[in-house]
Structure formats: C-alpha cells, structure tokens
Amino acid sequence: MKKEQIIAIVICILGIVLFFTPSFIAPTCAPMEDGKFMKCHWMGEAIKAMGGIIAVLGLISIFACNAGVRMGLAIGIILSGIASVLMPTKLLIGVCKSPTMRCVSTTRPAIFVIGAIIIILGIVQLLFSKKEIKCS
C-alpha cells in the first residue's frame, strides 16, 4: 500500500468521523421545548453532508491512479475541509449565541480540529498527487 493510499484512507475515515460528530461524537443542541430546532442543528446537518462528501472523495482517492484525477480530488477535499471549518462560524451557518450551549463548547471545537486535519491531509495529498502511481 502506497503512502498516497494511506492518506486517502485516513481522509475517508475522518470524513466518516466528521459525519457522525454533530449526532454522536459531539452532539449539537437538542430541539427547543416547542419542537423547533436551533441553527446549530442545521449546521450539524450541513456538516453531515460535508463529512459524507469528504468520505466519498477519500474513497475515490484510494483507487485513483491518474495524477490529474488525484489532484482534482485533493483540491475537492481541501475545499470541503475549508467549508466544514467555516460552517460553525458566523461566515456561514454558525452555532448558538450562548457560550454555555453544547454546540459552542463541544461541537464547534471538534469540527474545527477534524476540519483542520482534513485540510492538512488534503494539502499533503495534493503535493503527492503530482506523479502517476502504479495501480495493481
């Protein structure tokens, strides 16, 4: 197994971890008493989508041999990681305003850390994608 494939597997796993973060690992806030959801719930739904996209891009990267395809996948992973990091900020969706809320104290930091690691690994994958690899 080549280092490019190992990085792609780790990215795929991190995408899955990101997918489960707002539901199980570092859950967003529960619904309000009237049954409505706060904006952190919708941020969590968007994070699930981003995690799924990153996992699929990582999975495709495992089997990609062509340098151009791997480069495009790496750029997609980097951009998806950036979008994931921006989701819980005021630039995109954001989280609840109160600093004592669960989404502020656990969900947002977890997404920042996972997203930052995905971005770094995407950059590493981009640097490795400049040459063709032998697929068996």
N, C-alpha and C. Protein backbone atom coordinates (compact mmCIF):
# COMPACT_ATOMS: atom_id res chain seq x y z
N MET A 1 0.84 -1.17 0.00
CA MET A 1 0.00 0.00 0.00
C MET A 1 0.90 1.24 0.00
N LYS A 2 0.60 2.17 -0.86
CA LYS A 2 1.40 3.37 -1.03
C LYS A 2 0.96 4.46 -0.04
N LYS A 3 1.87 5.41 0.22
CA LYS A 3 1.56 6.49 1.16
C LYS A 3 0.36 7.31 0.70
N GLU A 4 0.17 7.45 -0.63
CA GLU A 4 -0.98 8.18 -1.15
C GLU A 4 -2.29 7.50 -0.76
N GLN A 5 -2.29 6.17 -0.80
CA GLN A 5 -3.48 5.42 -0.45
C GLN A 5 -3.74 5.47 1.05
N ILE A 6 -2.67 5.45 1.85
CA ILE A 6 -2.84 5.53 3.31
C ILE A 6 -3.45 6.88 3.69
N ILE A 7 -2.96 7.94 3.07
CA ILE A 7 -3.52 9.27 3.33
C ILE A 7 -4.99 9.32 2.92
N ALA A 8 -5.31 8.73 1.78
CA ALA A 8 -6.70 8.70 1.31
C ALA A 8 -7.59 7.93 2.27
N ILE A 9 -7.09 6.82 2.83
CA ILE A 9 -7.87 6.05 3.80
C ILE A 9 -8.12 6.88 5.06
N VAL A 10 -7.10 7.58 5.53
CA VAL A 10 -7.25 8.42 6.72
C VAL A 10 -8.26 9.54 6.45
N ILE A 11 -8.21 10.14 5.26
CA ILE A 11 -9.18 11.19 4.89
C ILE A 11 -10.59 10.61 4.87
N CYS A 12 -10.73 9.43 4.32
CA CYS A 12 -12.04 8.77 4.28
C CYS A 12 -12.58 8.54 5.69
N ILE A 13 -11.72 8.05 6.57
CA ILE A 13 -12.12 7.81 7.97
C ILE A 13 -12.49 9.12 8.65
N LEU A 14 -11.70 10.17 8.43
CA LEU A 14 -12.02 11.48 9.02
C LEU A 14 -13.33 12.04 8.50
N GLY A 15 -13.63 11.78 7.22
CA GLY A 15 -14.92 12.20 6.67
C GLY A 15 -16.07 11.50 7.39
N ILE A 16 -15.89 10.21 7.68
CA ILE A 16 -16.91 9.46 8.42
C ILE A 16 -17.03 10.00 9.85
N VAL A 17 -15.90 10.28 10.48
CA VAL A 17 -15.91 10.85 11.83
C VAL A 17 -16.62 12.20 11.82
N LEU A 18 -16.32 13.03 10.82
CA LEU A 18 -16.98 14.33 10.70
C LEU A 18 -18.48 14.15 10.52
N PHE A 19 -18.88 13.16 9.75
CA PHE A 19 -20.30 12.88 9.53
C PHE A 19 -21.01 12.59 10.86
N PHE A 20 -20.37 11.82 11.73
CA PHE A 20 -21.01 11.43 12.99
C PHE A 20 -20.80 12.43 14.12
N THR A 21 -19.96 13.42 13.93
CA THR A 21 -19.68 14.38 15.00
C THR A 21 -20.92 15.12 15.50
N PRO A 22 -21.75 15.74 14.64
CA PRO A 22 -22.87 16.51 15.20
C PRO A 22 -23.99 15.66 15.79
N SER A 23 -23.97 14.35 15.55
CA SER A 23 -25.02 13.49 16.08
C SER A 23 -24.59 12.69 17.31
N PHE A 24 -23.36 12.14 17.26
CA PHE A 24 -22.95 11.22 18.31
C PHE A 24 -21.68 11.62 19.04
N ILE A 25 -20.67 12.08 18.33
CA ILE A 25 -19.37 12.33 18.95
C ILE A 25 -19.40 13.61 19.79
N ALA A 26 -19.87 14.69 19.22
CA ALA A 26 -20.03 15.97 19.93
C ALA A 26 -21.36 16.57 19.48
N PRO A 27 -22.47 16.07 20.03
CA PRO A 27 -23.80 16.45 19.53
C PRO A 27 -24.12 17.94 19.64
N THR A 28 -24.92 18.38 18.68
CA THR A 28 -25.44 19.75 18.73
C THR A 28 -26.55 19.81 19.78
N CYS A 29 -27.10 20.97 19.98
CA CYS A 29 -28.14 21.17 20.99
C CYS A 29 -29.41 20.40 20.63
N ALA A 30 -30.15 20.03 21.66
CA ALA A 30 -31.43 19.33 21.47
C ALA A 30 -32.48 20.33 20.97
N PRO A 31 -33.60 19.83 20.44
CA PRO A 31 -34.66 20.75 20.00
C PRO A 31 -35.20 21.58 21.17
N MET A 32 -35.77 22.73 20.84
CA MET A 32 -36.37 23.58 21.86
C MET A 32 -37.65 22.91 22.38
N GLU A 33 -38.22 23.45 23.43
CA GLU A 33 -39.41 22.86 24.03
C GLU A 33 -40.59 22.80 23.07
N ASP A 34 -40.66 23.75 22.13
CA ASP A 34 -41.76 23.76 21.17
C ASP A 34 -41.49 22.85 19.97
N GLY A 35 -40.36 22.14 19.99
CA GLY A 35 -40.04 21.20 18.92
C GLY A 35 -39.23 21.78 17.78
N LYS A 36 -39.01 23.09 17.80
CA LYS A 36 -38.22 23.72 16.74
C LYS A 36 -36.73 23.50 17.00
N PHE A 37 -35.97 23.56 15.94
CA PHE A 37 -34.53 23.38 16.05
C PHE A 37 -33.81 24.73 16.01
N MET A 38 -32.72 24.79 16.75
CA MET A 38 -31.87 25.99 16.71
C MET A 38 -30.95 25.88 15.51
N LYS A 39 -30.26 26.96 15.18
CA LYS A 39 -29.44 26.95 13.97
C LYS A 39 -28.28 25.97 14.04
N CYS A 40 -27.84 25.60 15.24
CA CYS A 40 -26.76 24.63 15.35
C CYS A 40 -27.18 23.27 14.80
N HIS A 41 -28.47 22.95 14.89
CA HIS A 41 -28.97 21.70 14.31
C HIS A 41 -28.75 21.70 12.80
N TRP A 42 -29.07 22.81 12.18
CA TRP A 42 -28.94 22.90 10.72
C TRP A 42 -27.47 22.94 10.31
N MET A 43 -26.64 23.54 11.15
CA MET A 43 -25.20 23.49 10.91
C MET A 43 -24.72 22.05 10.97
N GLY A 44 -25.24 21.29 11.93
CA GLY A 44 -24.89 19.89 12.05
C GLY A 44 -25.31 19.08 10.84
N GLU A 45 -26.47 19.39 10.28
CA GLU A 45 -26.92 18.70 9.07
C GLU A 45 -25.99 19.01 7.89
N ALA A 46 -25.56 20.26 7.80
CA ALA A 46 -24.62 20.63 6.73
C ALA A 46 -23.27 19.95 6.94
N ILE A 47 -22.84 19.82 8.18
CA ILE A 47 -21.58 19.13 8.48
C ILE A 47 -21.68 17.66 8.10
N LYS A 48 -22.84 17.04 8.33
CA LYS A 48 -23.02 15.65 7.91
C LYS A 48 -22.84 15.52 6.41
N ALA A 49 -23.40 16.46 5.66
CA ALA A 49 -23.24 16.43 4.20
C ALA A 49 -21.78 16.59 3.82
N MET A 50 -21.08 17.52 4.45
CA MET A 50 -19.67 17.73 4.15
C MET A 50 -18.84 16.50 4.51
N GLY A 51 -19.15 15.87 5.64
CA GLY A 51 -18.44 14.66 6.03
C GLY A 51 -18.66 13.54 5.03
N GLY A 52 -19.89 13.41 4.54
CA GLY A 52 -20.17 12.40 3.52
C GLY A 52 -19.41 12.66 2.24
N ILE A 53 -19.37 13.91 1.82
CA ILE A 53 -18.65 14.28 0.60
C ILE A 53 -17.15 13.97 0.76
N ILE A 54 -16.59 14.35 1.90
CA ILE A 54 -15.16 14.11 2.15
C ILE A 54 -14.86 12.61 2.17
N ALA A 55 -15.74 11.83 2.80
CA ALA A 55 -15.54 10.38 2.85
C ALA A 55 -15.56 9.77 1.44
N VAL A 56 -16.48 10.22 0.61
CA VAL A 56 -16.56 9.71 -0.77
C VAL A 56 -15.33 10.13 -1.57
N LEU A 57 -14.92 11.38 -1.43
CA LEU A 57 -13.71 11.84 -2.14
C LEU A 57 -12.49 11.04 -1.69
N GLY A 58 -12.40 10.77 -0.39
CA GLY A 58 -11.29 9.96 0.11
C GLY A 58 -11.35 8.54 -0.42
N LEU A 59 -12.55 7.98 -0.50
CA LEU A 59 -12.71 6.62 -1.02
C LEU A 59 -12.30 6.54 -2.49
N ILE A 60 -12.72 7.51 -3.27
CA ILE A 60 -12.32 7.55 -4.68
C ILE A 60 -10.81 7.72 -4.80
N SER A 61 -10.23 8.53 -3.91
CA SER A 61 -8.78 8.78 -3.94
C SER A 61 -7.96 7.51 -3.70
N ILE A 62 -8.52 6.58 -2.95
CA ILE A 62 -7.81 5.33 -2.67
C ILE A 62 -7.51 4.59 -3.98
N PHE A 63 -8.47 4.65 -4.91
CA PHE A 63 -8.36 3.86 -6.14
C PHE A 63 -7.90 4.66 -7.36
N ALA A 64 -7.72 5.98 -7.21
CA ALA A 64 -7.33 6.82 -8.33
C ALA A 64 -5.84 6.66 -8.64
N CYS A 65 -5.52 6.46 -9.91
CA CYS A 65 -4.12 6.28 -10.33
C CYS A 65 -3.61 7.51 -11.08
N ASN A 66 -4.46 8.16 -11.82
CA ASN A 66 -4.08 9.29 -12.66
C ASN A 66 -3.74 10.51 -11.78
N ALA A 67 -2.64 11.17 -12.10
CA ALA A 67 -2.19 12.33 -11.31
C ALA A 67 -3.21 13.46 -11.35
N GLY A 68 -3.79 13.72 -12.51
CA GLY A 68 -4.76 14.80 -12.63
C GLY A 68 -6.03 14.54 -11.82
N VAL A 69 -6.48 13.31 -11.84
CA VAL A 69 -7.67 12.93 -11.06
C VAL A 69 -7.39 13.07 -9.58
N ARG A 70 -6.24 12.57 -9.14
CA ARG A 70 -5.88 12.66 -7.72
C ARG A 70 -5.71 14.11 -7.29
N MET A 71 -5.19 14.95 -8.18
CA MET A 71 -5.04 16.37 -7.87
C MET A 71 -6.41 17.03 -7.70
N GLY A 72 -7.32 16.71 -8.60
CA GLY A 72 -8.68 17.26 -8.50
C GLY A 72 -9.39 16.80 -7.24
N LEU A 73 -9.23 15.53 -6.89
CA LEU A 73 -9.83 15.01 -5.66
C LEU A 73 -9.23 15.71 -4.44
N ALA A 74 -7.93 15.93 -4.44
CA ALA A 74 -7.27 16.61 -3.32
C ALA A 74 -7.78 18.04 -3.17
N ILE A 75 -7.96 18.72 -4.28
CA ILE A 75 -8.50 20.09 -4.22
C ILE A 75 -9.92 20.07 -3.67
N GLY A 76 -10.72 19.09 -4.10
CA GLY A 76 -12.07 18.94 -3.57
C GLY A 76 -12.08 18.68 -2.08
N ILE A 77 -11.15 17.87 -1.62
CA ILE A 77 -11.04 17.57 -0.19
C ILE A 77 -10.65 18.82 0.59
N ILE A 78 -9.69 19.56 0.07
CA ILE A 78 -9.25 20.80 0.74
C ILE A 78 -10.41 21.79 0.84
N LEU A 79 -11.11 22.00 -0.26
CA LEU A 79 -12.22 22.96 -0.26
C LEU A 79 -13.36 22.50 0.65
N SER A 80 -13.63 21.20 0.66
CA SER A 80 -14.67 20.67 1.55
C SER A 80 -14.26 20.83 3.01
N GLY A 81 -12.97 20.63 3.30
CA GLY A 81 -12.47 20.84 4.65
C GLY A 81 -12.60 22.29 5.09
N ILE A 82 -12.29 23.20 4.18
CA ILE A 82 -12.43 24.64 4.48
C ILE A 82 -13.90 24.97 4.75
N ALA A 83 -14.80 24.45 3.91
CA ALA A 83 -16.23 24.70 4.11
C ALA A 83 -16.69 24.14 5.46
N SER A 84 -16.17 22.97 5.83
CA SER A 84 -16.54 22.37 7.12
C SER A 84 -16.09 23.24 8.30
N VAL A 85 -14.89 23.78 8.21
CA VAL A 85 -14.39 24.64 9.27
C VAL A 85 -15.20 25.93 9.35
N LEU A 86 -15.67 26.43 8.21
CA LEU A 86 -16.42 27.68 8.20
C LEU A 86 -17.89 27.51 8.59
N MET A 87 -18.43 26.30 8.50
CA MET A 87 -19.85 26.07 8.84
C MET A 87 -20.23 26.58 10.23
N PRO A 88 -19.48 26.24 11.29
CA PRO A 88 -19.90 26.70 12.61
C PRO A 88 -19.51 28.14 12.94
N THR A 89 -19.01 28.88 11.97
CA THR A 89 -18.66 30.29 12.20
C THR A 89 -19.78 31.19 11.69
N LYS A 90 -19.68 32.46 12.01
CA LYS A 90 -20.68 33.42 11.55
C LYS A 90 -20.62 33.64 10.04
N LEU A 91 -19.52 33.23 9.41
CA LEU A 91 -19.41 33.40 7.96
C LEU A 91 -20.42 32.53 7.20
N LEU A 92 -20.75 31.37 7.74
CA LEU A 92 -21.74 30.51 7.09
C LEU A 92 -22.95 30.34 8.00
N ILE A 93 -23.11 29.23 8.68
CA ILE A 93 -24.33 29.00 9.45
C ILE A 93 -24.18 29.44 10.89
N GLY A 94 -23.12 29.01 11.55
CA GLY A 94 -22.90 29.40 12.94
C GLY A 94 -23.50 28.43 13.94
N VAL A 95 -23.34 28.76 15.20
CA VAL A 95 -23.88 27.97 16.30
C VAL A 95 -24.68 28.90 17.21
N CYS A 96 -25.20 28.38 18.31
CA CYS A 96 -25.98 29.20 19.24
C CYS A 96 -25.13 30.33 19.82
N LYS A 97 -25.78 31.37 20.29
CA LYS A 97 -25.06 32.54 20.80
C LYS A 97 -24.49 32.35 22.19
N SER A 98 -25.16 31.57 23.02
CA SER A 98 -24.72 31.40 24.40
C SER A 98 -23.47 30.52 24.48
N PRO A 99 -22.43 30.99 25.17
CA PRO A 99 -21.20 30.20 25.27
C PRO A 99 -21.36 28.93 26.10
N THR A 100 -22.47 28.80 26.84
CA THR A 100 -22.68 27.60 27.65
C THR A 100 -23.40 26.49 26.87
N MET A 101 -23.82 26.77 25.67
CA MET A 101 -24.55 25.76 24.89
C MET A 101 -23.59 24.67 24.44
N ARG A 102 -24.13 23.46 24.32
CA ARG A 102 -23.33 22.29 23.96
C ARG A 102 -22.65 22.45 22.60
N CYS A 103 -23.34 23.08 21.66
CA CYS A 103 -22.77 23.24 20.32
C CYS A 103 -21.55 24.16 20.32
N VAL A 104 -21.54 25.13 21.23
CA VAL A 104 -20.41 26.07 21.31
C VAL A 104 -19.22 25.43 22.03
N SER A 105 -19.51 24.68 23.09
CA SER A 105 -18.43 24.13 23.91
C SER A 105 -17.83 22.83 23.38
N THR A 106 -18.60 22.04 22.62
CA THR A 106 -18.06 20.77 22.15
C THR A 106 -18.10 20.59 20.63
N THR A 107 -19.23 20.87 20.03
CA THR A 107 -19.39 20.59 18.59
C THR A 107 -18.45 21.45 17.75
N ARG A 108 -18.48 22.76 17.97
CA ARG A 108 -17.66 23.66 17.16
C ARG A 108 -16.16 23.35 17.26
N PRO A 109 -15.60 23.17 18.48
CA PRO A 109 -14.17 22.83 18.55
C PRO A 109 -13.84 21.50 17.87
N ALA A 110 -14.72 20.52 18.02
CA ALA A 110 -14.47 19.22 17.38
C ALA A 110 -14.45 19.36 15.86
N ILE A 111 -15.36 20.14 15.33
CA ILE A 111 -15.41 20.35 13.88
C ILE A 111 -14.16 21.11 13.42
N PHE A 112 -13.72 22.09 14.20
CA PHE A 112 -12.51 22.84 13.84
C PHE A 112 -11.30 21.91 13.77
N VAL A 113 -11.15 21.04 14.75
CA VAL A 113 -9.99 20.15 14.79
C VAL A 113 -10.04 19.14 13.64
N ILE A 114 -11.18 18.48 13.48
CA ILE A 114 -11.30 17.49 12.41
C ILE A 114 -11.13 18.15 11.05
N GLY A 115 -11.76 19.30 10.86
CA GLY A 115 -11.64 20.02 9.59
C GLY A 115 -10.22 20.45 9.30
N ALA A 116 -9.51 20.92 10.32
CA ALA A 116 -8.12 21.35 10.12
C ALA A 116 -7.24 20.16 9.71
N ILE A 117 -7.46 19.02 10.34
CA ILE A 117 -6.68 17.83 9.97
C ILE A 117 -7.00 17.41 8.54
N ILE A 118 -8.26 17.48 8.15
CA ILE A 118 -8.65 17.15 6.77
C ILE A 118 -7.98 18.10 5.78
N ILE A 119 -7.96 19.38 6.09
CA ILE A 119 -7.31 20.36 5.20
C ILE A 119 -5.82 20.05 5.06
N ILE A 120 -5.16 19.78 6.17
CA ILE A 120 -3.72 19.47 6.14
C ILE A 120 -3.45 18.22 5.32
N LEU A 121 -4.24 17.16 5.56
CA LEU A 121 -4.05 15.93 4.79
C LEU A 121 -4.39 16.13 3.32
N GLY A 122 -5.35 16.98 3.03
CA GLY A 122 -5.67 17.30 1.63
C GLY A 122 -4.51 18.00 0.94
N ILE A 123 -3.85 18.89 1.66
CA ILE A 123 -2.68 19.57 1.09
C ILE A 123 -1.54 18.57 0.86
N VAL A 124 -1.34 17.68 1.82
CA VAL A 124 -0.31 16.65 1.65
C VAL A 124 -0.65 15.77 0.45
N GLN A 125 -1.92 15.38 0.34
CA GLN A 125 -2.35 14.57 -0.80
C GLN A 125 -2.14 15.32 -2.11
N LEU A 126 -2.39 16.61 -2.11
CA LEU A 126 -2.18 17.42 -3.31
C LEU A 126 -0.70 17.43 -3.70
N LEU A 127 0.18 17.55 -2.72
CA LEU A 127 1.62 17.53 -3.01
C LEU A 127 2.07 16.18 -3.55
N PHE A 128 1.49 15.09 -3.04
CA PHE A 128 1.83 13.75 -3.53
C PHE A 128 1.19 13.42 -4.87
N SER A 129 0.18 14.17 -5.28
CA SER A 129 -0.58 13.81 -6.48
C SER A 129 0.07 14.28 -7.78
N LYS A 130 1.24 14.85 -7.72
CA LYS A 130 1.87 15.37 -8.91
C LYS A 130 2.42 14.29 -9.85
N LYS A 131 2.57 13.06 -9.34
CA LYS A 131 3.07 11.99 -10.18
C LYS A 131 2.05 10.86 -10.27
N GLU A 132 2.11 10.14 -11.38
CA GLU A 132 1.26 8.98 -11.56
C GLU A 132 1.69 7.88 -10.58
N ILE A 133 0.73 7.10 -10.11
CA ILE A 133 1.10 5.95 -9.30
C ILE A 133 0.68 4.68 -10.02
N LYS A 134 1.39 3.63 -9.72
CA LYS A 134 1.12 2.35 -10.36
C LYS A 134 -0.04 1.68 -9.64
N CYS A 135 -1.12 1.40 -10.35
CA CYS A 135 -2.25 0.71 -9.76
C CYS A 135 -2.17 -0.76 -10.13
N SER A 136 -2.51 -1.60 -9.16
CA SER A 136 -2.47 -3.02 -9.45
C SER A 136 -3.84 -3.62 -9.61
